[in-house]
Amino acid sequence: MNNVGGTSEYIAFIDECGDHTLELIDKDFPLFLLATTVIRRADYAKQVIPAIGQLKLKYWVHEGVNLHSRDIRKAKGPYGFLQVPEMRTAFMNELSDLMMSLPYTLFVSAVRKDHHKNRYGARAVNPYDLVLEFTLERLMHFVESTGVQELPFVAEARGRKEDNTLERCFYRFMSEGTDYIHASRFRQVRCSLVFRNKFDNIAGIQLADLCAHPCARYVL
């Protein structure tokens, strides 16, 4: 499974923001969001990975630092130097310029959990299932418009239970379709889903992570 998609034209990377539980909803952040970056494989190899590596090597002695939105905002761990205003301004400006210049297509789906729960009550669909459904529907329009026949997905591992839940949901949509996209259309595209740990330092996942929180704040 891990080798499926080795010759695909594009790769999709998934990351999330917020939690998807409906039992306890944070009144200050009542949102669950899924960010997916779709990147042409050639661009990923020649532009995205080198550019992110160059940024890291400007601020650290190695490229092993993981670009993690929460740690950046909190100036935690390797980002402790961001507590210095001048350093924070310089780093954030460079990071913003990088995010604007890199070649990727961003898909964002979000659910206001409080509104969702108030509207549907006990019938409310799990927010993760819902945003994944929205995302895959819009990705289907993308692959059909570009003629893509294969699209591997790479997601950050969250734990065996969470990963198994996402995997089941992903392949269910791929085999059964949704209310708006018939299963036959999904079956025209070969899609795989693999999980990688944060410490694997996957540039595409870090890119999705960096997109997720600003998009969530914008929605809120």
N, C-alpha and C. Protein backbone atom coordinates (compact mmCIF):
# COMPACT_ATOMS: atom_id res chain seq x y z
N MET A 1 0.82 -1.21 0.00
CA MET A 1 0.00 0.00 0.00
C MET A 1 0.86 1.26 0.00
N ASN A 2 1.99 1.25 0.73
CA ASN A 2 2.80 2.46 0.82
C ASN A 2 3.42 2.87 -0.50
N ASN A 3 3.53 1.92 -1.46
CA ASN A 3 4.15 2.24 -2.73
C ASN A 3 3.13 2.63 -3.80
N VAL A 4 1.85 2.49 -3.50
CA VAL A 4 0.83 2.86 -4.46
C VAL A 4 0.90 4.35 -4.73
N GLY A 5 0.87 4.74 -5.99
CA GLY A 5 0.90 6.16 -6.32
C GLY A 5 2.29 6.69 -6.58
N GLY A 6 3.28 5.80 -6.71
CA GLY A 6 4.65 6.25 -6.91
C GLY A 6 4.88 6.97 -8.22
N THR A 7 3.99 6.83 -9.18
CA THR A 7 4.15 7.50 -10.47
C THR A 7 3.03 8.51 -10.73
N SER A 8 2.23 8.82 -9.72
CA SER A 8 1.11 9.73 -9.91
C SER A 8 1.62 11.13 -10.23
N GLU A 9 0.82 11.90 -10.97
CA GLU A 9 1.21 13.27 -11.31
C GLU A 9 1.10 14.18 -10.10
N TYR A 10 0.11 13.92 -9.24
CA TYR A 10 -0.13 14.76 -8.06
C TYR A 10 -0.10 13.91 -6.79
N ILE A 11 0.14 14.57 -5.66
CA ILE A 11 0.04 13.96 -4.34
C ILE A 11 -0.81 14.89 -3.47
N ALA A 12 -1.69 14.32 -2.66
CA ALA A 12 -2.52 15.10 -1.74
C ALA A 12 -2.06 14.87 -0.31
N PHE A 13 -1.94 15.95 0.46
CA PHE A 13 -1.52 15.88 1.85
C PHE A 13 -2.61 16.46 2.74
N ILE A 14 -2.95 15.75 3.82
CA ILE A 14 -4.08 16.12 4.67
C ILE A 14 -3.61 16.45 6.08
N ASP A 15 -4.17 17.53 6.63
CA ASP A 15 -3.98 17.82 8.06
C ASP A 15 -5.25 18.48 8.58
N GLU A 16 -5.40 18.51 9.88
CA GLU A 16 -6.64 18.99 10.49
C GLU A 16 -6.37 20.08 11.50
N CYS A 17 -7.45 20.78 11.87
CA CYS A 17 -7.36 21.81 12.90
C CYS A 17 -8.61 21.71 13.77
N GLY A 18 -8.41 21.68 15.08
CA GLY A 18 -9.53 21.50 15.99
C GLY A 18 -9.79 20.03 16.24
N ASP A 19 -10.77 19.73 17.09
CA ASP A 19 -11.15 18.33 17.33
C ASP A 19 -12.56 18.10 16.80
N HIS A 20 -12.84 16.84 16.49
CA HIS A 20 -14.11 16.53 15.82
C HIS A 20 -15.19 16.00 16.76
N THR A 21 -14.97 16.05 18.05
CA THR A 21 -16.00 15.58 18.97
C THR A 21 -17.15 16.58 19.06
N LEU A 22 -18.36 16.06 19.23
CA LEU A 22 -19.53 16.90 19.43
C LEU A 22 -19.98 16.91 20.89
N GLU A 23 -19.32 16.09 21.71
CA GLU A 23 -19.71 16.00 23.12
C GLU A 23 -19.29 17.25 23.90
N LEU A 24 -18.05 17.66 23.69
CA LEU A 24 -17.53 18.86 24.35
C LEU A 24 -17.07 19.82 23.26
N ILE A 25 -17.68 21.00 23.22
CA ILE A 25 -17.36 21.98 22.19
C ILE A 25 -16.77 23.22 22.84
N ASP A 26 -15.56 23.56 22.44
CA ASP A 26 -14.87 24.74 22.95
C ASP A 26 -15.56 25.99 22.40
N LYS A 27 -16.12 26.81 23.28
CA LYS A 27 -16.87 27.98 22.82
C LYS A 27 -15.96 29.00 22.11
N ASP A 28 -14.65 28.95 22.40
CA ASP A 28 -13.72 29.87 21.76
C ASP A 28 -13.19 29.34 20.43
N PHE A 29 -13.37 28.04 20.20
CA PHE A 29 -12.91 27.43 18.94
C PHE A 29 -13.84 26.27 18.58
N PRO A 30 -15.10 26.59 18.24
CA PRO A 30 -16.10 25.54 17.99
C PRO A 30 -16.06 25.02 16.56
N LEU A 31 -14.87 24.71 16.08
CA LEU A 31 -14.70 24.42 14.66
C LEU A 31 -13.83 23.19 14.46
N PHE A 32 -14.17 22.42 13.43
CA PHE A 32 -13.26 21.37 12.97
C PHE A 32 -13.02 21.59 11.49
N LEU A 33 -11.75 21.56 11.10
CA LEU A 33 -11.38 21.89 9.72
C LEU A 33 -10.38 20.90 9.18
N LEU A 34 -10.54 20.58 7.91
CA LEU A 34 -9.61 19.71 7.21
C LEU A 34 -8.98 20.50 6.07
N ALA A 35 -7.66 20.53 6.04
CA ALA A 35 -6.94 21.22 4.97
C ALA A 35 -6.20 20.18 4.13
N THR A 36 -6.34 20.27 2.83
CA THR A 36 -5.69 19.34 1.91
C THR A 36 -4.91 20.12 0.87
N THR A 37 -3.62 19.88 0.80
CA THR A 37 -2.80 20.49 -0.24
C THR A 37 -2.55 19.46 -1.33
N VAL A 38 -2.84 19.83 -2.56
CA VAL A 38 -2.60 18.95 -3.70
C VAL A 38 -1.45 19.56 -4.50
N ILE A 39 -0.40 18.78 -4.69
CA ILE A 39 0.83 19.31 -5.28
C ILE A 39 1.27 18.39 -6.42
N ARG A 40 1.63 19.00 -7.53
CA ARG A 40 2.20 18.22 -8.63
C ARG A 40 3.52 17.60 -8.16
N ARG A 41 3.68 16.33 -8.42
CA ARG A 41 4.84 15.61 -7.90
C ARG A 41 6.16 16.27 -8.31
N ALA A 42 6.27 16.70 -9.55
CA ALA A 42 7.50 17.33 -10.02
C ALA A 42 7.76 18.63 -9.27
N ASP A 43 6.70 19.41 -9.02
CA ASP A 43 6.84 20.65 -8.26
C ASP A 43 7.23 20.37 -6.82
N TYR A 44 6.68 19.30 -6.28
CA TYR A 44 6.98 18.94 -4.89
C TYR A 44 8.46 18.61 -4.74
N ALA A 45 9.00 17.86 -5.70
CA ALA A 45 10.40 17.45 -5.62
C ALA A 45 11.35 18.60 -5.91
N LYS A 46 11.02 19.43 -6.88
CA LYS A 46 11.96 20.45 -7.35
C LYS A 46 11.80 21.80 -6.67
N GLN A 47 10.59 22.09 -6.12
CA GLN A 47 10.37 23.41 -5.54
C GLN A 47 9.99 23.36 -4.06
N VAL A 48 8.97 22.58 -3.73
CA VAL A 48 8.43 22.61 -2.37
C VAL A 48 9.44 22.11 -1.34
N ILE A 49 9.95 20.90 -1.54
CA ILE A 49 10.89 20.33 -0.57
C ILE A 49 12.15 21.19 -0.44
N PRO A 50 12.79 21.60 -1.56
CA PRO A 50 13.98 22.44 -1.41
C PRO A 50 13.70 23.79 -0.73
N ALA A 51 12.58 24.43 -1.07
CA ALA A 51 12.27 25.74 -0.50
C ALA A 51 12.05 25.66 1.00
N ILE A 52 11.33 24.65 1.44
CA ILE A 52 11.09 24.48 2.88
C ILE A 52 12.40 24.15 3.59
N GLY A 53 13.23 23.31 2.95
CA GLY A 53 14.53 22.99 3.54
C GLY A 53 15.42 24.21 3.67
N GLN A 54 15.40 25.08 2.66
CA GLN A 54 16.22 26.29 2.71
C GLN A 54 15.76 27.22 3.83
N LEU A 55 14.46 27.34 4.03
CA LEU A 55 13.96 28.17 5.13
C LEU A 55 14.44 27.63 6.46
N LYS A 56 14.35 26.32 6.64
CA LYS A 56 14.76 25.71 7.90
C LYS A 56 16.26 25.92 8.15
N LEU A 57 17.05 25.75 7.10
CA LEU A 57 18.49 25.86 7.28
C LEU A 57 18.94 27.30 7.52
N LYS A 58 18.07 28.25 7.23
CA LYS A 58 18.39 29.64 7.53
C LYS A 58 18.25 29.92 9.03
N TYR A 59 17.33 29.17 9.70
CA TYR A 59 17.06 29.45 11.11
C TYR A 59 17.57 28.36 12.06
N TRP A 60 17.90 27.19 11.52
CA TRP A 60 18.41 26.11 12.37
C TRP A 60 19.61 25.46 11.71
N VAL A 61 20.33 24.63 12.45
CA VAL A 61 21.53 24.00 11.90
C VAL A 61 21.21 22.72 11.13
N HIS A 62 19.95 22.34 11.06
CA HIS A 62 19.53 21.15 10.30
C HIS A 62 18.10 21.36 9.82
N GLU A 63 17.67 20.51 8.90
CA GLU A 63 16.32 20.64 8.34
C GLU A 63 15.31 19.75 9.04
N GLY A 64 15.70 19.16 10.17
CA GLY A 64 14.82 18.21 10.86
C GLY A 64 13.73 18.86 11.68
N VAL A 65 13.72 20.17 11.81
CA VAL A 65 12.66 20.86 12.57
C VAL A 65 11.35 20.76 11.81
N ASN A 66 10.29 20.39 12.52
CA ASN A 66 8.97 20.26 11.90
C ASN A 66 8.24 21.59 11.95
N LEU A 67 7.81 22.09 10.80
CA LEU A 67 7.03 23.33 10.77
C LEU A 67 5.62 23.04 11.29
N HIS A 68 5.39 23.40 12.53
CA HIS A 68 4.13 23.08 13.21
C HIS A 68 3.47 24.38 13.65
N SER A 69 2.28 24.63 13.13
CA SER A 69 1.60 25.90 13.34
C SER A 69 1.45 26.25 14.82
N ARG A 70 1.04 25.30 15.64
CA ARG A 70 0.80 25.61 17.05
C ARG A 70 2.09 26.00 17.76
N ASP A 71 3.18 25.27 17.50
CA ASP A 71 4.45 25.59 18.13
C ASP A 71 4.95 26.96 17.69
N ILE A 72 4.71 27.30 16.42
CA ILE A 72 5.11 28.61 15.92
C ILE A 72 4.34 29.71 16.63
N ARG A 73 3.02 29.54 16.76
CA ARG A 73 2.19 30.56 17.43
C ARG A 73 2.58 30.73 18.88
N LYS A 74 2.90 29.61 19.54
CA LYS A 74 3.22 29.65 20.97
C LYS A 74 4.70 29.93 21.23
N ALA A 75 5.52 29.95 20.15
CA ALA A 75 6.97 30.14 20.29
C ALA A 75 7.55 29.09 21.23
N LYS A 76 7.17 27.82 20.99
CA LYS A 76 7.59 26.72 21.85
C LYS A 76 8.70 25.91 21.19
N GLY A 77 9.44 25.18 22.01
CA GLY A 77 10.46 24.26 21.51
C GLY A 77 11.48 24.98 20.65
N PRO A 78 11.70 24.48 19.42
CA PRO A 78 12.71 25.09 18.55
C PRO A 78 12.33 26.50 18.09
N TYR A 79 11.10 26.91 18.40
CA TYR A 79 10.63 28.24 17.99
C TYR A 79 10.73 29.26 19.13
N GLY A 80 11.48 28.93 20.16
CA GLY A 80 11.63 29.84 21.28
C GLY A 80 12.18 31.20 20.88
N PHE A 81 12.98 31.23 19.81
CA PHE A 81 13.56 32.51 19.37
C PHE A 81 12.50 33.49 18.87
N LEU A 82 11.27 32.98 18.59
CA LEU A 82 10.20 33.85 18.11
C LEU A 82 9.64 34.74 19.22
N GLN A 83 10.10 34.53 20.44
CA GLN A 83 9.71 35.43 21.53
C GLN A 83 10.38 36.80 21.37
N VAL A 84 11.40 36.85 20.55
CA VAL A 84 12.07 38.13 20.24
C VAL A 84 11.30 38.77 19.10
N PRO A 85 10.66 39.92 19.31
CA PRO A 85 9.78 40.52 18.30
C PRO A 85 10.41 40.65 16.91
N GLU A 86 11.66 41.11 16.86
CA GLU A 86 12.30 41.31 15.56
C GLU A 86 12.48 39.98 14.83
N MET A 87 12.85 38.94 15.56
CA MET A 87 13.03 37.62 14.95
C MET A 87 11.69 37.05 14.50
N ARG A 88 10.66 37.27 15.31
CA ARG A 88 9.33 36.77 14.94
C ARG A 88 8.84 37.44 13.66
N THR A 89 9.01 38.74 13.58
CA THR A 89 8.56 39.47 12.38
C THR A 89 9.28 38.97 11.14
N ALA A 90 10.59 38.81 11.24
CA ALA A 90 11.38 38.36 10.09
C ALA A 90 10.97 36.95 9.67
N PHE A 91 10.85 36.04 10.64
CA PHE A 91 10.50 34.65 10.33
C PHE A 91 9.10 34.55 9.74
N MET A 92 8.13 35.23 10.34
CA MET A 92 6.76 35.15 9.87
C MET A 92 6.61 35.76 8.48
N ASN A 93 7.35 36.83 8.20
CA ASN A 93 7.31 37.42 6.86
C ASN A 93 7.87 36.45 5.82
N GLU A 94 8.96 35.79 6.15
CA GLU A 94 9.55 34.83 5.22
C GLU A 94 8.64 33.62 5.03
N LEU A 95 8.04 33.17 6.13
CA LEU A 95 7.14 32.03 6.03
C LEU A 95 5.91 32.38 5.19
N SER A 96 5.36 33.56 5.39
CA SER A 96 4.20 34.00 4.62
C SER A 96 4.54 34.12 3.13
N ASP A 97 5.69 34.68 2.82
CA ASP A 97 6.12 34.79 1.42
C ASP A 97 6.27 33.41 0.80
N LEU A 98 6.82 32.48 1.58
CA LEU A 98 7.00 31.12 1.08
C LEU A 98 5.65 30.47 0.79
N MET A 99 4.70 30.62 1.70
CA MET A 99 3.37 30.02 1.52
C MET A 99 2.67 30.59 0.29
N MET A 100 2.92 31.84 -0.02
CA MET A 100 2.29 32.47 -1.17
C MET A 100 2.95 32.08 -2.48
N SER A 101 4.22 31.71 -2.43
CA SER A 101 4.97 31.45 -3.66
C SER A 101 4.98 29.99 -4.07
N LEU A 102 4.77 29.08 -3.15
CA LEU A 102 4.85 27.66 -3.48
C LEU A 102 3.67 27.23 -4.36
N PRO A 103 3.92 26.27 -5.26
CA PRO A 103 2.86 25.80 -6.18
C PRO A 103 2.03 24.67 -5.56
N TYR A 104 0.86 24.97 -5.08
CA TYR A 104 -0.04 23.95 -4.55
C TYR A 104 -1.47 24.44 -4.68
N THR A 105 -2.40 23.51 -4.66
CA THR A 105 -3.83 23.84 -4.65
C THR A 105 -4.37 23.44 -3.29
N LEU A 106 -5.07 24.35 -2.66
CA LEU A 106 -5.56 24.12 -1.30
C LEU A 106 -7.06 23.88 -1.29
N PHE A 107 -7.46 22.80 -0.63
CA PHE A 107 -8.87 22.50 -0.42
C PHE A 107 -9.14 22.56 1.08
N VAL A 108 -10.16 23.31 1.46
CA VAL A 108 -10.48 23.47 2.88
C VAL A 108 -11.96 23.18 3.10
N SER A 109 -12.25 22.33 4.07
CA SER A 109 -13.63 22.07 4.48
C SER A 109 -13.71 22.23 5.99
N ALA A 110 -14.75 22.92 6.46
CA ALA A 110 -14.85 23.19 7.89
C ALA A 110 -16.30 23.04 8.36
N VAL A 111 -16.45 22.67 9.61
CA VAL A 111 -17.78 22.54 10.22
C VAL A 111 -17.80 23.35 11.51
N ARG A 112 -18.75 24.26 11.63
CA ARG A 112 -19.00 24.92 12.90
C ARG A 112 -19.78 23.92 13.76
N LYS A 113 -19.09 23.31 14.70
CA LYS A 113 -19.68 22.20 15.44
C LYS A 113 -20.90 22.62 16.24
N ASP A 114 -20.87 23.83 16.80
CA ASP A 114 -22.02 24.27 17.59
C ASP A 114 -23.26 24.43 16.71
N HIS A 115 -23.10 25.02 15.53
CA HIS A 115 -24.23 25.17 14.62
C HIS A 115 -24.71 23.82 14.12
N HIS A 116 -23.77 22.96 13.81
CA HIS A 116 -24.08 21.62 13.30
C HIS A 116 -24.88 20.82 14.33
N LYS A 117 -24.44 20.85 15.58
CA LYS A 117 -25.12 20.10 16.64
C LYS A 117 -26.49 20.70 16.93
N ASN A 118 -26.59 22.03 16.95
CA ASN A 118 -27.88 22.67 17.22
C ASN A 118 -28.90 22.37 16.13
N ARG A 119 -28.42 22.24 14.90
CA ARG A 119 -29.34 22.02 13.78
C ARG A 119 -29.81 20.57 13.69
N TYR A 120 -28.89 19.62 13.92
CA TYR A 120 -29.22 18.21 13.68
C TYR A 120 -29.37 17.38 14.95
N GLY A 121 -28.93 17.89 16.09
CA GLY A 121 -29.10 17.16 17.34
C GLY A 121 -28.47 15.79 17.30
N ALA A 122 -29.24 14.79 17.69
CA ALA A 122 -28.73 13.41 17.75
C ALA A 122 -28.43 12.85 16.37
N ARG A 123 -28.97 13.48 15.33
CA ARG A 123 -28.73 13.01 13.96
C ARG A 123 -27.48 13.61 13.33
N ALA A 124 -26.77 14.44 14.08
CA ALA A 124 -25.60 15.12 13.54
C ALA A 124 -24.51 14.13 13.14
N VAL A 125 -24.03 14.25 11.92
CA VAL A 125 -22.95 13.41 11.42
C VAL A 125 -21.64 13.83 12.07
N ASN A 126 -20.77 12.86 12.32
CA ASN A 126 -19.46 13.18 12.88
C ASN A 126 -18.77 14.22 12.00
N PRO A 127 -18.28 15.31 12.58
CA PRO A 127 -17.65 16.37 11.78
C PRO A 127 -16.52 15.88 10.89
N TYR A 128 -15.75 14.89 11.35
CA TYR A 128 -14.66 14.39 10.50
C TYR A 128 -15.21 13.75 9.24
N ASP A 129 -16.25 12.93 9.38
CA ASP A 129 -16.87 12.31 8.21
C ASP A 129 -17.39 13.38 7.26
N LEU A 130 -17.95 14.42 7.83
CA LEU A 130 -18.57 15.47 7.02
C LEU A 130 -17.53 16.26 6.23
N VAL A 131 -16.47 16.70 6.89
CA VAL A 131 -15.47 17.50 6.17
C VAL A 131 -14.70 16.65 5.17
N LEU A 132 -14.50 15.38 5.48
CA LEU A 132 -13.83 14.50 4.52
C LEU A 132 -14.71 14.30 3.29
N GLU A 133 -16.01 14.15 3.51
CA GLU A 133 -16.93 14.02 2.39
C GLU A 133 -16.91 15.27 1.50
N PHE A 134 -16.99 16.44 2.14
CA PHE A 134 -16.94 17.69 1.38
C PHE A 134 -15.63 17.79 0.57
N THR A 135 -14.53 17.44 1.23
CA THR A 135 -13.22 17.55 0.59
C THR A 135 -13.11 16.62 -0.62
N LEU A 136 -13.52 15.37 -0.44
CA LEU A 136 -13.41 14.40 -1.53
C LEU A 136 -14.32 14.76 -2.70
N GLU A 137 -15.47 15.34 -2.41
CA GLU A 137 -16.35 15.78 -3.49
C GLU A 137 -15.68 16.85 -4.34
N ARG A 138 -15.04 17.80 -3.68
CA ARG A 138 -14.40 18.88 -4.42
C ARG A 138 -13.12 18.42 -5.10
N LEU A 139 -12.44 17.47 -4.50
CA LEU A 139 -11.26 16.91 -5.14
C LEU A 139 -11.65 16.14 -6.40
N MET A 140 -12.83 15.54 -6.39
CA MET A 140 -13.28 14.81 -7.56
C MET A 140 -13.44 15.76 -8.75
N HIS A 141 -13.97 16.94 -8.50
CA HIS A 141 -14.07 17.94 -9.58
C HIS A 141 -12.68 18.31 -10.09
N PHE A 142 -11.72 18.40 -9.18
CA PHE A 142 -10.35 18.74 -9.56
C PHE A 142 -9.74 17.65 -10.45
N VAL A 143 -9.84 16.40 -10.03
CA VAL A 143 -9.19 15.33 -10.79
C VAL A 143 -9.88 15.14 -12.15
N GLU A 144 -11.19 15.34 -12.19
CA GLU A 144 -11.88 15.20 -13.47
C GLU A 144 -11.50 16.33 -14.44
N SER A 145 -11.32 17.53 -13.90
CA SER A 145 -10.98 18.66 -14.76
C SER A 145 -9.55 18.60 -15.26
N THR A 146 -8.68 17.92 -14.51
CA THR A 146 -7.27 17.83 -14.90
C THR A 146 -6.94 16.50 -15.58
N GLY A 147 -7.88 15.58 -15.60
CA GLY A 147 -7.64 14.29 -16.22
C GLY A 147 -6.79 13.34 -15.39
N VAL A 148 -6.67 13.63 -14.10
CA VAL A 148 -5.87 12.78 -13.21
C VAL A 148 -6.56 11.44 -13.01
N GLN A 149 -5.81 10.36 -13.08
CA GLN A 149 -6.37 9.02 -12.90
C GLN A 149 -5.88 8.35 -11.62
N GLU A 150 -4.96 9.01 -10.94
CA GLU A 150 -4.38 8.43 -9.73
C GLU A 150 -4.03 9.56 -8.77
N LEU A 151 -4.45 9.43 -7.52
CA LEU A 151 -4.15 10.47 -6.53
C LEU A 151 -3.93 9.84 -5.16
N PRO A 152 -2.69 9.67 -4.76
CA PRO A 152 -2.42 9.16 -3.41
C PRO A 152 -2.58 10.26 -2.36
N PHE A 153 -3.06 9.87 -1.19
CA PHE A 153 -3.25 10.79 -0.07
C PHE A 153 -2.29 10.42 1.05
N VAL A 154 -1.69 11.44 1.66
CA VAL A 154 -0.80 11.24 2.80
C VAL A 154 -1.34 12.06 3.96
N ALA A 155 -1.62 11.41 5.07
CA ALA A 155 -2.17 12.09 6.25
C ALA A 155 -1.25 11.88 7.44
N GLU A 156 -1.27 12.84 8.35
CA GLU A 156 -0.47 12.70 9.56
C GLU A 156 -1.12 11.70 10.50
N ALA A 157 -0.34 10.75 10.99
CA ALA A 157 -0.86 9.74 11.91
C ALA A 157 -1.25 10.40 13.22
N ARG A 158 -2.44 10.03 13.73
CA ARG A 158 -2.95 10.60 14.99
C ARG A 158 -3.06 9.55 16.09
N GLY A 159 -2.90 8.29 15.75
CA GLY A 159 -3.15 7.20 16.68
C GLY A 159 -3.92 6.12 15.96
N ARG A 160 -3.77 4.88 16.40
CA ARG A 160 -4.36 3.76 15.67
C ARG A 160 -5.88 3.89 15.53
N LYS A 161 -6.56 4.26 16.61
CA LYS A 161 -8.02 4.37 16.56
C LYS A 161 -8.46 5.45 15.58
N GLU A 162 -7.85 6.64 15.70
CA GLU A 162 -8.23 7.75 14.82
C GLU A 162 -7.89 7.44 13.36
N ASP A 163 -6.72 6.83 13.15
CA ASP A 163 -6.30 6.50 11.79
C ASP A 163 -7.22 5.45 11.16
N ASN A 164 -7.60 4.45 11.95
CA ASN A 164 -8.50 3.41 11.44
C ASN A 164 -9.86 3.99 11.07
N THR A 165 -10.33 4.94 11.89
CA THR A 165 -11.62 5.57 11.61
C THR A 165 -11.57 6.36 10.31
N LEU A 166 -10.50 7.14 10.14
CA LEU A 166 -10.34 7.92 8.92
C LEU A 166 -10.21 7.00 7.71
N GLU A 167 -9.44 5.94 7.84
CA GLU A 167 -9.23 5.02 6.73
C GLU A 167 -10.53 4.36 6.29
N ARG A 168 -11.34 3.92 7.26
CA ARG A 168 -12.63 3.30 6.92
C ARG A 168 -13.53 4.29 6.20
N CYS A 169 -13.58 5.51 6.70
CA CYS A 169 -14.42 6.53 6.11
C CYS A 169 -13.95 6.87 4.69
N PHE A 170 -12.65 7.00 4.52
CA PHE A 170 -12.05 7.33 3.23
C PHE A 170 -12.43 6.29 2.17
N TYR A 171 -12.20 5.03 2.47
CA TYR A 171 -12.45 3.99 1.48
C TYR A 171 -13.94 3.72 1.29
N ARG A 172 -14.73 4.05 2.30
CA ARG A 172 -16.19 3.93 2.11
C ARG A 172 -16.67 4.92 1.06
N PHE A 173 -16.21 6.16 1.17
CA PHE A 173 -16.60 7.14 0.15
C PHE A 173 -16.07 6.74 -1.22
N MET A 174 -14.85 6.20 -1.27
CA MET A 174 -14.27 5.80 -2.54
C MET A 174 -15.05 4.67 -3.20
N SER A 175 -15.62 3.79 -2.40
CA SER A 175 -16.33 2.64 -2.96
C SER A 175 -17.83 2.87 -3.11
N GLU A 176 -18.40 3.72 -2.23
CA GLU A 176 -19.85 3.91 -2.24
C GLU A 176 -20.29 5.27 -2.76
N GLY A 177 -19.35 6.22 -2.88
CA GLY A 177 -19.70 7.55 -3.32
C GLY A 177 -20.37 8.35 -2.22
N THR A 178 -20.91 9.51 -2.59
CA THR A 178 -21.62 10.38 -1.65
C THR A 178 -22.99 10.72 -2.23
N ASP A 179 -23.71 11.57 -1.54
CA ASP A 179 -25.03 11.97 -2.04
C ASP A 179 -24.92 12.76 -3.34
N TYR A 180 -23.77 13.37 -3.57
CA TYR A 180 -23.63 14.24 -4.75
C TYR A 180 -22.67 13.70 -5.81
N ILE A 181 -21.81 12.77 -5.44
CA ILE A 181 -20.87 12.18 -6.39
C ILE A 181 -21.10 10.67 -6.41
N HIS A 182 -21.53 10.15 -7.55
CA HIS A 182 -21.82 8.71 -7.66
C HIS A 182 -20.53 7.89 -7.52
N ALA A 183 -20.69 6.69 -6.98
CA ALA A 183 -19.54 5.82 -6.73
C ALA A 183 -18.74 5.56 -8.01
N SER A 184 -19.42 5.50 -9.16
CA SER A 184 -18.74 5.21 -10.42
C SER A 184 -17.69 6.26 -10.76
N ARG A 185 -17.94 7.50 -10.34
CA ARG A 185 -16.97 8.58 -10.61
C ARG A 185 -15.74 8.44 -9.72
N PHE A 186 -15.94 8.09 -8.46
CA PHE A 186 -14.81 7.87 -7.57
C PHE A 186 -13.96 6.70 -8.07
N ARG A 187 -14.61 5.69 -8.60
CA ARG A 187 -13.89 4.49 -9.02
C ARG A 187 -13.05 4.71 -10.26
N GLN A 188 -13.22 5.84 -10.91
CA GLN A 188 -12.41 6.16 -12.08
C GLN A 188 -11.00 6.62 -11.68
N VAL A 189 -10.83 6.92 -10.39
CA VAL A 189 -9.55 7.43 -9.90
C VAL A 189 -8.98 6.45 -8.90
N ARG A 190 -7.73 6.07 -9.06
CA ARG A 190 -7.06 5.19 -8.12
C ARG A 190 -6.52 6.03 -6.96
N CYS A 191 -7.08 5.83 -5.80
CA CYS A 191 -6.69 6.62 -4.62
C CYS A 191 -6.23 5.69 -3.50
N SER A 192 -5.15 6.05 -2.86
CA SER A 192 -4.66 5.33 -1.69
C SER A 192 -4.53 6.31 -0.55
N LEU A 193 -4.48 5.79 0.66
CA LEU A 193 -4.31 6.63 1.85
C LEU A 193 -3.24 6.01 2.73
N VAL A 194 -2.20 6.78 3.03
CA VAL A 194 -1.15 6.31 3.94
C VAL A 194 -0.99 7.32 5.06
N PHE A 195 -0.51 6.84 6.20
CA PHE A 195 -0.29 7.69 7.37
C PHE A 195 1.21 7.75 7.68
N ARG A 196 1.67 8.95 7.98
CA ARG A 196 3.06 9.13 8.36
C ARG A 196 3.14 9.92 9.65
N ASN A 197 4.10 9.60 10.48
CA ASN A 197 4.28 10.28 11.75
C ASN A 197 4.84 11.69 11.55
N LYS A 198 4.56 12.57 12.50
CA LYS A 198 5.07 13.93 12.45
C LYS A 198 6.59 13.94 12.31
N PHE A 199 7.25 12.98 12.97
CA PHE A 199 8.71 12.96 12.98
C PHE A 199 9.29 12.52 11.63
N ASP A 200 8.43 12.07 10.72
CA ASP A 200 8.91 11.76 9.38
C ASP A 200 9.21 13.02 8.59
N ASN A 201 8.72 14.17 9.11
CA ASN A 201 9.08 15.47 8.53
C ASN A 201 8.64 15.59 7.07
N ILE A 202 7.38 15.26 6.80
CA ILE A 202 6.84 15.32 5.45
C ILE A 202 6.48 16.76 5.11
N ALA A 203 7.12 17.32 4.10
CA ALA A 203 6.92 18.74 3.76
C ALA A 203 5.47 19.04 3.40
N GLY A 204 4.82 18.15 2.66
CA GLY A 204 3.44 18.40 2.22
C GLY A 204 2.47 18.47 3.39
N ILE A 205 2.67 17.62 4.40
CA ILE A 205 1.82 17.64 5.58
C ILE A 205 2.05 18.94 6.36
N GLN A 206 3.30 19.36 6.45
CA GLN A 206 3.60 20.61 7.15
C GLN A 206 2.96 21.80 6.43
N LEU A 207 2.94 21.74 5.11
CA LEU A 207 2.29 22.80 4.34
C LEU A 207 0.80 22.85 4.65
N ALA A 208 0.15 21.67 4.71
CA ALA A 208 -1.27 21.61 5.04
C ALA A 208 -1.51 22.12 6.45
N ASP A 209 -0.63 21.77 7.38
CA ASP A 209 -0.74 22.23 8.77
C ASP A 209 -0.67 23.76 8.84
N LEU A 210 0.25 24.34 8.10
CA LEU A 210 0.42 25.79 8.12
C LEU A 210 -0.78 26.51 7.50
N CYS A 211 -1.48 25.85 6.60
CA CYS A 211 -2.68 26.44 6.00
C CYS A 211 -3.89 26.33 6.92
N ALA A 212 -3.95 25.27 7.71
CA ALA A 212 -5.17 24.92 8.44
C ALA A 212 -5.60 25.98 9.45
N HIS A 213 -4.70 26.39 10.34
CA HIS A 213 -5.12 27.31 11.41
C HIS A 213 -5.52 28.69 10.89
N PRO A 214 -4.77 29.31 9.97
CA PRO A 214 -5.26 30.60 9.44
C PRO A 214 -6.62 30.49 8.77
N CYS A 215 -6.86 29.39 8.08
CA CYS A 215 -8.17 29.19 7.45
C CYS A 215 -9.26 29.03 8.52
N ALA A 216 -8.93 28.32 9.60
CA ALA A 216 -9.90 28.15 10.69
C ALA A 216 -10.23 29.50 11.33
N ARG A 217 -9.23 30.33 11.57
CA ARG A 217 -9.47 31.65 12.15
C ARG A 217 -10.31 32.50 11.20
N TYR A 218 -10.07 32.36 9.92
CA TYR A 218 -10.85 33.12 8.94
C TYR A 218 -12.32 32.70 8.97
N VAL A 219 -12.55 31.39 9.04
CA VAL A 219 -13.93 30.89 9.10
C VAL A 219 -14.62 31.40 10.35
N LEU A 220 -13.92 31.34 11.48
CA LEU A 220 -14.51 31.79 12.74
C LEU A 220 -14.78 33.30 12.74
